[in-house]
Amino acid sequence: MDINYELYKVFYYVATTLSFSEASKKLYISQSAVSQSIKALEGKLSQTLFIRSTKKVRLTPEGEILLRHIEPAISLIRRGESQLLESITTGGQIRIAASDTICRYFLVPYIERFHQAFPNLHIKVINATSIRCVDILKNGQADFIVVNYPNAYLNNLWSIKRIKQFRDVFVANQSFSQLKDRKLSLAELSEYPLLMLDKQSTTSEFLHSLFQQHQLELVPEAELSSNDLLIDLARIGLGVAFVPDYCVPDDSDELFIVETRESLPQRELAVVYNDKLPVSPAVTEFLTYFTELPDQKL
C-alpha cells in the first residue's frame, strides 16, 4: 500500500499527544491540515483510528495497533538522523580532490577552519589535476572536487558552484627586464622561452586554445606538473612562466608580470559534487564555507 510517510508522522503526533491542536504545534502546520491528514490516512487504510469528541481524542483499537508499529519506526528514524548529525562532531570522513596549487593557495584556510570546528572528523585530500579530479568524482572516490572552470570534462549532471575568480599571468625575473613596462602581443611573447603546465591540465588546454584562436603555434620551453616549480624556474631566469595570479608571491622582488596586449579571459574555481547522491552533514557543512559567485559571462 502506497501511503505517504507524512501521514504516518501526523498520526504519530496525534496519537502520542491525543490532541489535534498539540500535534499541529509540534508539526508546525495548521490544525485543519492535521485533521485532513488523519482523514486521508483513515480513508487509505479503511479504518477509523481515533474517536473524536468535543473534549478529547482517543485511539480506537485499530489506532492502538497502528501506533505500536509506528512508534518504534519513528524512533528508529530519529535515531538514524541523530547518528548522522553526531558524525560531524564525533568522527567520520570528508573526501576532497583538488590540484596541488588549488589546495595550497586556496583550500588550506578552509580546511583549517573546518578542522578547528570538527577536530574529530577525518579530512582526506586527494591531489590531482583538474582533469583527473573529474574522474575521481565520477568514480565516487571524493565527496566533492575543487577545479578550474570552465572545464570541458564536467557535465550538467553535477552541481557546479563557482566560488573564486582569477586570471592567468605571465611572470619573469630581471633577466627579462626588457619586457617591463611593455605590452607584448601573444605573437611577440611566443618568441621567448615559455614555461607552462603539462598537457594533462585544464590550464595547458586553456593556453593552447588561446594561441590557436590567434593562429599561433605554442611550443613551450618546458612543461611541468607544478605551478610552484614553474615559479621557481622563472625566478632563476629559465623562461617566462604562465601561472594563476593567486599563486604569484606578493612580496617577490625577483618576479614581475609581463603584460599582454590581448586580454586574457578570466577563469574561475568551482566546487563540484553529485547532488543526485546523498550528501553527508559534514560535506554539507563544508560546502557552506564557499560563497557562490553571481552569474556572469566569463
Protein backbone atom coordinates (compact mmCIF):
# COMPACT_ATOMS: atom_id res chain seq x y z
CA MET A 1 0.00 0.00 0.00
CA ASP A 2 1.47 3.34 -1.08
CA ILE A 3 0.91 5.78 1.80
CA ASN A 4 2.89 8.98 2.25
CA TYR A 5 5.20 8.83 5.28
CA GLU A 6 3.99 12.31 6.31
CA LEU A 7 0.52 10.87 7.04
CA TYR A 8 2.02 8.37 9.47
CA LYS A 9 4.06 11.17 11.03
CA VAL A 10 0.90 13.22 11.66
CA PHE A 11 -0.81 10.13 13.06
CA TYR A 12 2.11 9.56 15.45
CA TYR A 13 1.92 13.08 16.91
CA VAL A 14 -1.86 12.98 17.31
CA ALA A 15 -1.70 9.51 18.85
CA THR A 16 1.03 10.43 21.36
CA THR A 17 -0.49 13.79 22.36
CA LEU A 18 -4.15 12.81 21.93
CA SER A 19 -4.68 16.34 20.72
CA PHE A 20 -5.06 17.74 17.21
CA SER A 21 -4.00 21.20 18.38
CA GLU A 22 -0.87 19.94 20.17
CA ALA A 23 0.08 17.87 17.14
CA SER A 24 -0.29 20.91 14.89
CA LYS A 25 2.09 22.89 17.13
CA LYS A 26 4.74 20.17 17.11
CA LEU A 27 4.46 19.72 13.35
CA TYR A 28 4.28 23.48 12.59
CA ILE A 29 1.19 23.00 10.45
CA SER A 30 -2.42 24.11 10.89
CA GLN A 31 -4.94 22.12 12.93
CA SER A 32 -7.03 21.82 9.78
CA ALA A 33 -4.08 20.23 7.95
CA VAL A 34 -3.69 17.72 10.81
CA SER A 35 -7.38 16.82 10.61
CA GLN A 36 -7.24 16.41 6.82
CA SER A 37 -4.15 14.18 7.07
CA ILE A 38 -5.83 11.89 9.60
CA LYS A 39 -8.93 11.65 7.41
CA ALA A 40 -6.76 10.82 4.42
CA LEU A 41 -4.90 8.09 6.35
CA GLU A 42 -8.14 6.60 7.65
CA GLY A 43 -9.50 6.59 4.12
CA LYS A 44 -6.45 4.80 2.71
CA LEU A 45 -6.48 2.20 5.50
CA SER A 46 -10.30 1.91 5.53
CA GLN A 47 -10.13 2.10 9.33
CA THR A 48 -11.21 4.58 11.99
CA LEU A 49 -8.13 5.44 14.03
CA PHE A 50 -9.49 7.98 16.51
CA ILE A 51 -12.67 8.54 18.45
CA ARG A 52 -13.24 12.28 18.45
CA SER A 53 -15.29 14.23 20.97
CA THR A 54 -15.55 17.90 21.85
CA LYS A 55 -13.33 17.45 24.90
CA LYS A 56 -10.73 14.84 23.95
CA VAL A 57 -9.39 12.41 21.36
CA ARG A 58 -8.69 8.77 21.98
CA LEU A 59 -7.40 5.89 19.91
CA THR A 60 -9.62 3.15 18.58
CA PRO A 61 -8.37 -0.43 18.96
CA GLU A 62 -7.21 -0.21 15.33
CA GLY A 63 -5.40 3.03 16.13
CA GLU A 64 -3.63 1.40 19.07
CA ILE A 65 -2.44 -1.45 16.85
CA LEU A 66 -1.07 1.01 14.29
CA LEU A 67 0.68 3.08 16.98
CA ARG A 68 2.50 0.01 18.30
CA HIS A 69 4.13 -0.32 14.87
CA ILE A 70 4.55 3.36 14.03
CA GLU A 71 6.17 4.39 17.33
CA PRO A 72 9.31 2.20 17.00
CA ALA A 73 9.61 3.17 13.33
CA ILE A 74 9.60 6.89 14.20
CA SER A 75 12.13 6.25 16.97
CA LEU A 76 14.37 4.36 14.55
CA ILE A 77 14.28 7.21 12.03
CA ARG A 78 15.08 9.76 14.75
CA ARG A 79 17.99 7.65 15.95
CA GLY A 80 19.38 7.46 12.43
CA GLU A 81 19.09 11.23 11.97
CA SER A 82 20.78 11.79 15.31
CA GLN A 83 23.69 9.49 14.48
CA LEU A 84 24.22 11.21 11.14
CA LEU A 85 24.27 14.65 12.78
CA GLU A 86 26.60 13.42 15.52
CA SER A 87 29.04 12.11 12.92
CA ILE A 88 30.10 15.70 12.22
CA THR A 89 31.48 16.12 15.73
CA THR A 90 32.38 12.59 16.76
CA GLY A 91 34.04 11.17 13.69
CA GLY A 92 33.54 10.25 10.07
CA GLN A 93 35.36 11.37 6.94
CA ILE A 94 35.19 14.02 4.27
CA ARG A 95 36.99 13.49 0.93
CA ILE A 96 38.18 16.40 -1.20
CA ALA A 97 40.02 16.26 -4.52
CA ALA A 98 41.90 19.24 -5.95
CA SER A 99 45.20 20.14 -7.60
CA ASP A 100 48.31 20.94 -5.56
CA THR A 101 48.00 24.62 -6.50
CA ILE A 102 44.34 24.91 -5.55
CA CYS A 103 44.98 23.07 -2.27
CA ARG A 104 47.96 25.21 -1.27
CA TYR A 105 46.79 28.65 -2.38
CA PHE A 106 43.04 28.38 -1.89
CA LEU A 107 41.79 25.40 0.13
CA VAL A 108 44.16 25.36 3.11
CA PRO A 109 42.37 28.13 5.08
CA TYR A 110 39.00 26.39 4.58
CA ILE A 111 40.43 23.03 5.65
CA GLU A 112 41.98 24.66 8.73
CA ARG A 113 38.68 26.32 9.67
CA PHE A 114 36.78 23.05 9.26
CA HIS A 115 39.35 21.08 11.26
CA GLN A 116 39.17 23.58 14.12
CA ALA A 117 35.37 23.30 14.17
CA PHE A 118 35.29 19.48 13.87
CA PRO A 119 38.66 18.13 15.11
CA ASN A 120 37.47 14.51 15.32
CA LEU A 121 36.42 14.31 11.68
CA HIS A 122 38.99 12.88 9.26
CA ILE A 123 39.75 15.05 6.21
CA LYS A 124 41.15 13.19 3.22
CA VAL A 125 42.66 15.38 0.49
CA ILE A 126 43.38 13.80 -2.89
CA ASN A 127 45.81 15.72 -5.11
CA ALA A 128 45.24 15.51 -8.85
CA THR A 129 44.91 17.75 -11.88
CA SER A 130 41.52 19.33 -12.55
CA ILE A 131 41.03 16.82 -15.38
CA ARG A 132 41.85 13.85 -13.16
CA CYS A 133 39.64 15.23 -10.36
CA VAL A 134 36.60 14.82 -12.60
CA ASP A 135 37.35 11.10 -12.94
CA ILE A 136 37.82 10.85 -9.18
CA LEU A 137 34.39 12.37 -8.59
CA LYS A 138 32.84 10.19 -11.28
CA ASN A 139 34.25 7.07 -9.60
CA GLY A 140 32.90 8.09 -6.21
CA GLN A 141 36.35 8.50 -4.66
CA ALA A 142 35.67 12.07 -3.48
CA ASP A 143 32.66 13.80 -1.93
CA PHE A 144 33.41 16.94 -3.92
CA ILE A 145 36.19 18.45 -6.03
CA VAL A 146 37.54 21.97 -6.46
CA VAL A 147 38.71 22.55 -10.02
CA ASN A 148 39.44 25.16 -12.65
CA TYR A 149 36.38 26.35 -14.58
CA PRO A 150 35.45 26.26 -17.46
CA ASN A 151 36.29 22.59 -17.57
CA ALA A 152 35.26 20.61 -20.65
CA TYR A 153 35.30 17.37 -18.66
CA LEU A 154 32.43 18.42 -16.36
CA ASN A 155 28.86 17.58 -17.30
CA ASN A 156 25.49 19.05 -16.37
CA LEU A 157 24.62 16.06 -14.18
CA TRP A 158 26.65 17.56 -11.34
CA SER A 159 26.09 20.61 -9.19
CA ILE A 160 28.69 23.25 -10.09
CA LYS A 161 29.22 26.15 -7.69
CA ARG A 162 31.64 28.83 -8.94
CA ILE A 163 33.50 30.26 -5.94
CA LYS A 164 36.57 32.31 -6.98
CA GLN A 165 37.60 34.44 -9.94
CA PHE A 166 41.18 34.62 -11.15
CA ARG A 167 43.32 35.44 -14.17
CA ASP A 168 46.35 33.68 -15.54
CA VAL A 169 49.51 35.77 -15.93
CA PHE A 170 52.96 35.52 -17.44
CA VAL A 171 55.78 36.11 -14.94
CA ALA A 172 59.53 36.56 -15.45
CA ASN A 173 62.61 37.61 -13.50
CA GLN A 174 65.02 40.50 -14.05
CA SER A 175 66.88 38.70 -16.83
CA PHE A 176 63.83 39.61 -18.94
CA SER A 177 63.78 43.22 -17.73
CA GLN A 178 63.43 44.44 -21.33
CA LEU A 179 59.82 43.21 -21.13
CA LYS A 180 58.96 45.51 -18.24
CA ASP A 181 56.57 48.43 -18.87
CA ARG A 182 55.62 46.94 -22.22
CA LYS A 183 52.56 45.18 -23.55
CA LEU A 184 53.52 42.25 -25.70
CA SER A 185 51.28 40.53 -28.20
CA LEU A 186 50.99 36.78 -27.87
CA ALA A 187 52.95 36.53 -31.13
CA GLU A 188 55.84 38.51 -29.59
CA LEU A 189 55.62 36.53 -26.37
CA SER A 190 55.86 33.25 -28.28
CA GLU A 191 59.41 34.24 -29.28
CA TYR A 192 60.53 33.88 -25.65
CA PRO A 193 61.01 30.60 -23.73
CA LEU A 194 57.64 29.83 -22.19
CA LEU A 195 57.18 27.65 -19.12
CA MET A 196 53.76 26.09 -18.53
CA LEU A 197 51.89 23.15 -17.05
CA ASP A 198 51.90 19.86 -18.92
CA LYS A 199 49.19 18.80 -21.33
CA GLN A 200 47.27 16.82 -18.71
CA SER A 201 45.85 20.03 -17.24
CA THR A 202 42.99 22.42 -18.00
CA THR A 203 45.49 25.32 -17.81
CA SER A 204 47.55 23.86 -20.64
CA GLU A 205 44.40 23.31 -22.71
CA PHE A 206 43.34 26.89 -21.98
CA LEU A 207 46.65 28.42 -23.14
CA HIS A 208 46.92 26.22 -26.24
CA SER A 209 43.35 27.18 -27.17
CA LEU A 210 44.16 30.86 -26.65
CA PHE A 211 47.15 30.69 -29.01
CA GLN A 212 45.14 28.76 -31.59
CA GLN A 213 42.47 31.47 -31.55
CA HIS A 214 45.19 33.89 -32.70
CA GLN A 215 46.54 31.42 -35.29
CA LEU A 216 49.73 30.95 -33.28
CA GLU A 217 51.72 27.81 -32.55
CA LEU A 218 52.59 27.29 -28.91
CA VAL A 219 55.90 25.49 -28.38
CA PRO A 220 56.84 25.75 -24.69
CA GLU A 221 60.38 25.59 -23.40
CA ALA A 222 59.25 23.33 -20.56
CA GLU A 223 56.04 21.62 -19.47
CA LEU A 224 55.84 20.73 -15.78
CA SER A 225 53.24 19.36 -13.37
CA SER A 226 53.61 22.05 -10.67
CA ASN A 227 52.91 25.78 -10.68
CA ASP A 228 55.32 26.19 -7.76
CA LEU A 229 58.07 24.65 -9.84
CA LEU A 230 57.19 26.93 -12.77
CA ILE A 231 57.59 29.94 -10.47
CA ASP A 232 60.90 28.60 -9.17
CA LEU A 233 62.23 28.19 -12.72
CA ALA A 234 61.02 31.66 -13.69
CA ARG A 235 62.78 33.00 -10.60
CA ILE A 236 66.14 31.67 -11.82
CA GLY A 237 65.58 33.06 -15.31
CA LEU A 238 64.86 29.87 -17.23
CA GLY A 239 61.89 31.44 -19.01
CA VAL A 240 58.52 33.22 -18.77
CA ALA A 241 56.07 31.18 -16.71
CA PHE A 242 52.30 31.01 -17.21
CA VAL A 243 50.58 30.65 -13.81
CA PRO A 244 47.37 31.66 -11.98
CA ASP A 245 47.64 35.14 -10.46
CA TYR A 246 46.69 33.91 -6.97
CA CYS A 247 49.86 31.82 -6.63
CA VAL A 248 52.31 34.61 -7.58
CA PRO A 249 54.14 35.74 -4.40
CA ASP A 250 53.04 39.24 -3.38
CA ASP A 251 56.38 40.09 -1.79
CA SER A 252 58.65 38.84 -4.56
CA ASP A 253 61.09 41.47 -5.90
CA GLU A 254 62.55 38.89 -8.26
CA LEU A 255 59.46 38.42 -10.43
CA PHE A 256 57.25 40.78 -12.40
CA ILE A 257 54.14 40.28 -14.50
CA VAL A 258 54.61 40.50 -18.26
CA GLU A 259 51.65 42.46 -19.63
CA THR A 260 49.94 41.34 -22.84
CA ARG A 261 48.09 43.31 -25.49
CA GLU A 262 45.41 40.67 -25.70
CA SER A 263 43.15 40.50 -22.69
CA LEU A 264 43.37 37.02 -21.20
CA PRO A 265 39.93 35.57 -20.41
CA GLN A 266 39.06 35.34 -16.76
CA ARG A 267 38.69 31.89 -15.25
CA GLU A 268 37.19 30.63 -12.02
CA LEU A 269 37.49 27.96 -9.39
CA ALA A 270 34.42 25.81 -8.88
CA VAL A 271 33.36 23.27 -6.30
CA VAL A 272 31.61 20.32 -7.92
CA TYR A 273 29.62 17.47 -6.36
CA ASN A 274 26.99 14.96 -7.35
CA ASP A 275 23.73 16.24 -5.89
CA LYS A 276 21.93 13.09 -7.07
CA LEU A 277 23.71 11.16 -4.31
CA PRO A 278 23.17 11.58 -0.55
CA VAL A 279 25.40 14.33 0.85
CA SER A 280 26.61 13.82 4.41
CA PRO A 281 26.08 16.53 7.05
CA ALA A 282 29.87 17.03 7.17
CA VAL A 283 30.08 17.72 3.43
CA THR A 284 27.01 19.97 3.60
CA GLU A 285 28.68 21.97 6.37
CA PHE A 286 31.95 22.34 4.45
CA LEU A 287 30.13 23.50 1.31
CA THR A 288 28.53 26.35 3.27
CA TYR A 289 32.01 27.87 3.63
CA PHE A 290 32.05 28.78 -0.07
CA THR A 291 30.20 31.82 -1.38
CA GLU A 292 28.83 31.29 -4.87
CA LEU A 293 29.73 33.90 -7.47
CA PRO A 294 26.90 35.73 -9.27
CA ASP A 295 26.16 34.62 -12.82
CA GLN A 296 28.18 36.47 -15.43
CA LYS A 297 29.90 35.86 -18.72
CA LEU A 298 33.46 34.60 -18.42
